[in-house]
N, C-alpha and C. Protein backbone atom coordinates (compact mmCIF):
# COMPACT_ATOMS: atom_id res chain seq x y z
N MET A 1 182.63 61.12 63.49
CA MET A 1 183.25 62.16 62.73
C MET A 1 182.94 62.06 61.24
N ALA A 2 182.48 60.92 60.79
CA ALA A 2 182.19 60.74 59.37
C ALA A 2 181.05 61.66 58.93
N ILE A 3 180.05 61.84 59.78
CA ILE A 3 178.92 62.71 59.44
C ILE A 3 179.39 64.15 59.33
N LEU A 4 180.24 64.58 60.24
CA LEU A 4 180.75 65.95 60.19
C LEU A 4 181.59 66.18 58.93
N ASP A 5 182.35 65.17 58.53
CA ASP A 5 183.12 65.29 57.30
C ASP A 5 182.19 65.38 56.09
N GLN A 6 181.11 64.60 56.08
CA GLN A 6 180.14 64.66 54.99
C GLN A 6 179.49 66.04 54.93
N ILE A 7 179.16 66.60 56.08
CA ILE A 7 178.54 67.92 56.11
C ILE A 7 179.51 68.98 55.61
N ARG A 8 180.78 68.88 56.01
CA ARG A 8 181.80 69.84 55.56
C ARG A 8 181.97 69.78 54.05
N ILE A 9 182.05 68.57 53.51
CA ILE A 9 182.19 68.40 52.06
C ILE A 9 180.95 68.91 51.34
N ALA A 10 179.78 68.67 51.92
CA ALA A 10 178.54 69.15 51.32
C ALA A 10 178.51 70.67 51.26
N LEU A 11 178.97 71.32 52.30
CA LEU A 11 179.00 72.78 52.31
C LEU A 11 179.99 73.32 51.29
N LEU A 12 181.10 72.62 51.12
CA LEU A 12 182.10 73.08 50.17
C LEU A 12 181.69 72.85 48.72
N THR A 13 181.00 71.74 48.46
CA THR A 13 180.65 71.39 47.08
C THR A 13 179.23 71.78 46.70
N GLY A 14 178.38 72.05 47.67
CA GLY A 14 177.01 72.42 47.37
C GLY A 14 176.07 71.26 47.17
N THR A 15 176.50 70.05 47.50
CA THR A 15 175.64 68.88 47.41
C THR A 15 175.22 68.44 48.81
N PRO A 16 173.98 67.99 48.97
CA PRO A 16 173.54 67.60 50.31
C PRO A 16 174.22 66.30 50.77
N PRO A 17 174.53 66.21 52.06
CA PRO A 17 175.15 64.98 52.56
C PRO A 17 174.13 63.85 52.64
N ASP A 18 174.60 62.63 52.52
CA ASP A 18 173.73 61.47 52.66
C ASP A 18 173.75 61.05 54.13
N LEU A 19 172.72 61.46 54.85
CA LEU A 19 172.63 61.13 56.28
C LEU A 19 171.75 59.92 56.54
N GLY A 20 171.26 59.31 55.50
CA GLY A 20 170.43 58.12 55.65
C GLY A 20 169.12 58.44 56.35
N HIS A 21 168.71 57.57 57.25
CA HIS A 21 167.44 57.77 57.96
C HIS A 21 167.51 58.92 58.96
N TRP A 22 168.70 59.37 59.30
CA TRP A 22 168.83 60.51 60.21
C TRP A 22 168.25 61.76 59.58
N SER A 23 168.21 61.83 58.26
CA SER A 23 167.65 62.99 57.57
C SER A 23 166.20 63.23 57.99
N TYR A 24 165.44 62.17 58.13
CA TYR A 24 164.03 62.29 58.44
C TYR A 24 163.81 62.69 59.91
N LEU A 25 164.67 62.23 60.80
CA LEU A 25 164.60 62.67 62.19
C LEU A 25 164.95 64.15 62.28
N ILE A 26 165.95 64.57 61.54
CA ILE A 26 166.33 65.99 61.51
C ILE A 26 165.18 66.82 60.96
N ILE A 27 164.51 66.33 59.92
CA ILE A 27 163.36 67.04 59.36
C ILE A 27 162.26 67.19 60.41
N ALA A 28 161.96 66.11 61.12
CA ALA A 28 160.91 66.16 62.15
C ALA A 28 161.25 67.18 63.24
N ILE A 29 162.50 67.20 63.67
CA ILE A 29 162.91 68.14 64.72
C ILE A 29 162.84 69.58 64.20
N LEU A 30 163.33 69.80 62.98
CA LEU A 30 163.30 71.15 62.43
C LEU A 30 161.89 71.63 62.13
N VAL A 31 161.01 70.72 61.72
CA VAL A 31 159.60 71.09 61.50
C VAL A 31 158.97 71.44 62.84
N PHE A 32 159.33 70.73 63.88
CA PHE A 32 158.82 71.04 65.22
C PHE A 32 159.22 72.46 65.62
N ILE A 33 160.46 72.85 65.30
CA ILE A 33 160.97 74.17 65.69
C ILE A 33 160.47 75.26 64.74
N GLU A 34 160.61 75.05 63.45
CA GLU A 34 160.33 76.10 62.46
C GLU A 34 159.00 75.91 61.75
N GLY A 35 158.77 74.76 61.18
CA GLY A 35 157.50 74.47 60.54
C GLY A 35 157.51 74.56 59.03
N PRO A 36 156.75 75.51 58.47
CA PRO A 36 156.50 75.53 57.03
C PRO A 36 157.75 75.66 56.16
N ALA A 37 158.72 76.43 56.57
CA ALA A 37 159.92 76.62 55.74
C ALA A 37 160.67 75.30 55.57
N VAL A 38 160.80 74.55 56.64
CA VAL A 38 161.50 73.26 56.57
C VAL A 38 160.69 72.27 55.75
N THR A 39 159.38 72.31 55.87
CA THR A 39 158.53 71.42 55.09
C THR A 39 158.69 71.69 53.60
N LEU A 40 158.77 72.96 53.22
CA LEU A 40 158.96 73.30 51.80
C LEU A 40 160.31 72.83 51.28
N VAL A 41 161.35 73.02 52.07
CA VAL A 41 162.69 72.58 51.64
C VAL A 41 162.74 71.05 51.53
N ALA A 42 162.18 70.37 52.52
CA ALA A 42 162.17 68.91 52.48
C ALA A 42 161.34 68.40 51.30
N ALA A 43 160.23 69.07 51.00
CA ALA A 43 159.41 68.67 49.86
C ALA A 43 160.15 68.88 48.55
N ALA A 44 160.90 69.96 48.45
CA ALA A 44 161.70 70.20 47.25
C ALA A 44 162.77 69.13 47.09
N MET A 45 163.40 68.74 48.21
CA MET A 45 164.41 67.68 48.15
C MET A 45 163.77 66.35 47.76
N ALA A 46 162.55 66.11 48.22
CA ALA A 46 161.86 64.88 47.85
C ALA A 46 161.46 64.90 46.37
N ALA A 47 161.09 66.06 45.88
CA ALA A 47 160.69 66.18 44.47
C ALA A 47 161.87 65.94 43.53
N THR A 48 163.06 66.26 43.97
CA THR A 48 164.24 66.04 43.13
C THR A 48 164.81 64.63 43.30
N GLY A 49 164.26 63.85 44.21
CA GLY A 49 164.71 62.48 44.39
C GLY A 49 165.79 62.29 45.43
N ILE A 50 166.14 63.35 46.14
CA ILE A 50 167.17 63.24 47.18
C ILE A 50 166.63 62.49 48.39
N LEU A 51 165.38 62.77 48.75
CA LEU A 51 164.72 62.12 49.88
C LEU A 51 163.49 61.37 49.38
N ARG A 52 162.99 60.47 50.19
CA ARG A 52 161.78 59.72 49.84
C ARG A 52 160.56 60.53 50.22
N VAL A 53 159.61 60.63 49.32
CA VAL A 53 158.42 61.45 49.53
C VAL A 53 157.61 60.96 50.73
N ASP A 54 157.40 59.65 50.82
CA ASP A 54 156.57 59.13 51.90
C ASP A 54 157.19 59.38 53.27
N LEU A 55 158.50 59.24 53.38
CA LEU A 55 159.15 59.46 54.67
C LEU A 55 159.21 60.94 55.03
N VAL A 56 159.34 61.80 54.03
CA VAL A 56 159.29 63.24 54.29
C VAL A 56 157.91 63.62 54.80
N PHE A 57 156.87 63.07 54.19
CA PHE A 57 155.50 63.34 54.64
C PHE A 57 155.30 62.91 56.08
N VAL A 58 155.76 61.71 56.42
CA VAL A 58 155.60 61.20 57.78
C VAL A 58 156.40 62.05 58.77
N ALA A 59 157.63 62.39 58.43
CA ALA A 59 158.46 63.20 59.33
C ALA A 59 157.85 64.58 59.54
N ALA A 60 157.35 65.21 58.47
CA ALA A 60 156.73 66.52 58.59
C ALA A 60 155.44 66.44 59.40
N ALA A 61 154.66 65.39 59.19
CA ALA A 61 153.41 65.23 59.93
C ALA A 61 153.68 65.04 61.42
N ILE A 62 154.67 64.22 61.75
CA ILE A 62 155.02 64.01 63.16
C ILE A 62 155.53 65.30 63.79
N GLY A 63 156.41 66.01 63.09
CA GLY A 63 156.91 67.27 63.62
C GLY A 63 155.82 68.29 63.84
N ASN A 64 154.89 68.41 62.88
CA ASN A 64 153.77 69.35 63.02
C ASN A 64 152.84 68.95 64.15
N PHE A 65 152.54 67.66 64.25
CA PHE A 65 151.64 67.19 65.31
C PHE A 65 152.24 67.46 66.69
N LEU A 66 153.53 67.15 66.85
CA LEU A 66 154.17 67.37 68.15
C LEU A 66 154.25 68.86 68.48
N ALA A 67 154.53 69.69 67.49
CA ALA A 67 154.59 71.14 67.73
C ALA A 67 153.21 71.67 68.11
N ASP A 68 152.19 71.29 67.38
CA ASP A 68 150.84 71.76 67.70
C ASP A 68 150.39 71.28 69.07
N SER A 69 150.69 70.03 69.39
CA SER A 69 150.32 69.49 70.70
C SER A 69 151.06 70.21 71.82
N THR A 70 152.33 70.51 71.59
CA THR A 70 153.12 71.22 72.60
C THR A 70 152.56 72.61 72.84
N TRP A 71 152.31 73.37 71.77
CA TRP A 71 151.77 74.71 71.93
C TRP A 71 150.37 74.69 72.53
N TYR A 72 149.55 73.71 72.19
CA TYR A 72 148.25 73.58 72.80
C TYR A 72 148.37 73.32 74.30
N GLY A 73 149.30 72.39 74.64
CA GLY A 73 149.51 72.08 76.06
C GLY A 73 150.00 73.28 76.85
N ILE A 74 150.90 74.05 76.27
CA ILE A 74 151.39 75.26 76.94
C ILE A 74 150.27 76.26 77.14
N GLY A 75 149.43 76.44 76.10
CA GLY A 75 148.31 77.37 76.22
C GLY A 75 147.25 76.89 77.19
N TYR A 76 147.01 75.59 77.23
CA TYR A 76 145.99 75.04 78.11
C TYR A 76 146.41 75.13 79.57
N MET A 77 147.70 74.87 79.82
CA MET A 77 148.20 74.88 81.18
C MET A 77 148.36 76.29 81.75
N GLY A 78 148.59 77.21 80.88
CA GLY A 78 148.84 78.44 81.56
C GLY A 78 148.87 79.70 80.88
């Protein structure tokens, strides 16, 4: 419940919650689903010092690779 409380406070105050390393997993999943928009937001957060640049790059690269591989596999199979 602590994470949900952090998210609620973040929405009320306008500051991003500190989710630790979970932030990068969330970025990878959202990049897999959406792609460029999430990458731009994550890059902006990294530029302001909220997130680490190297981990954002790795999370975005993994999300993009998995998304491209998935769509390729779907197209190849059928």
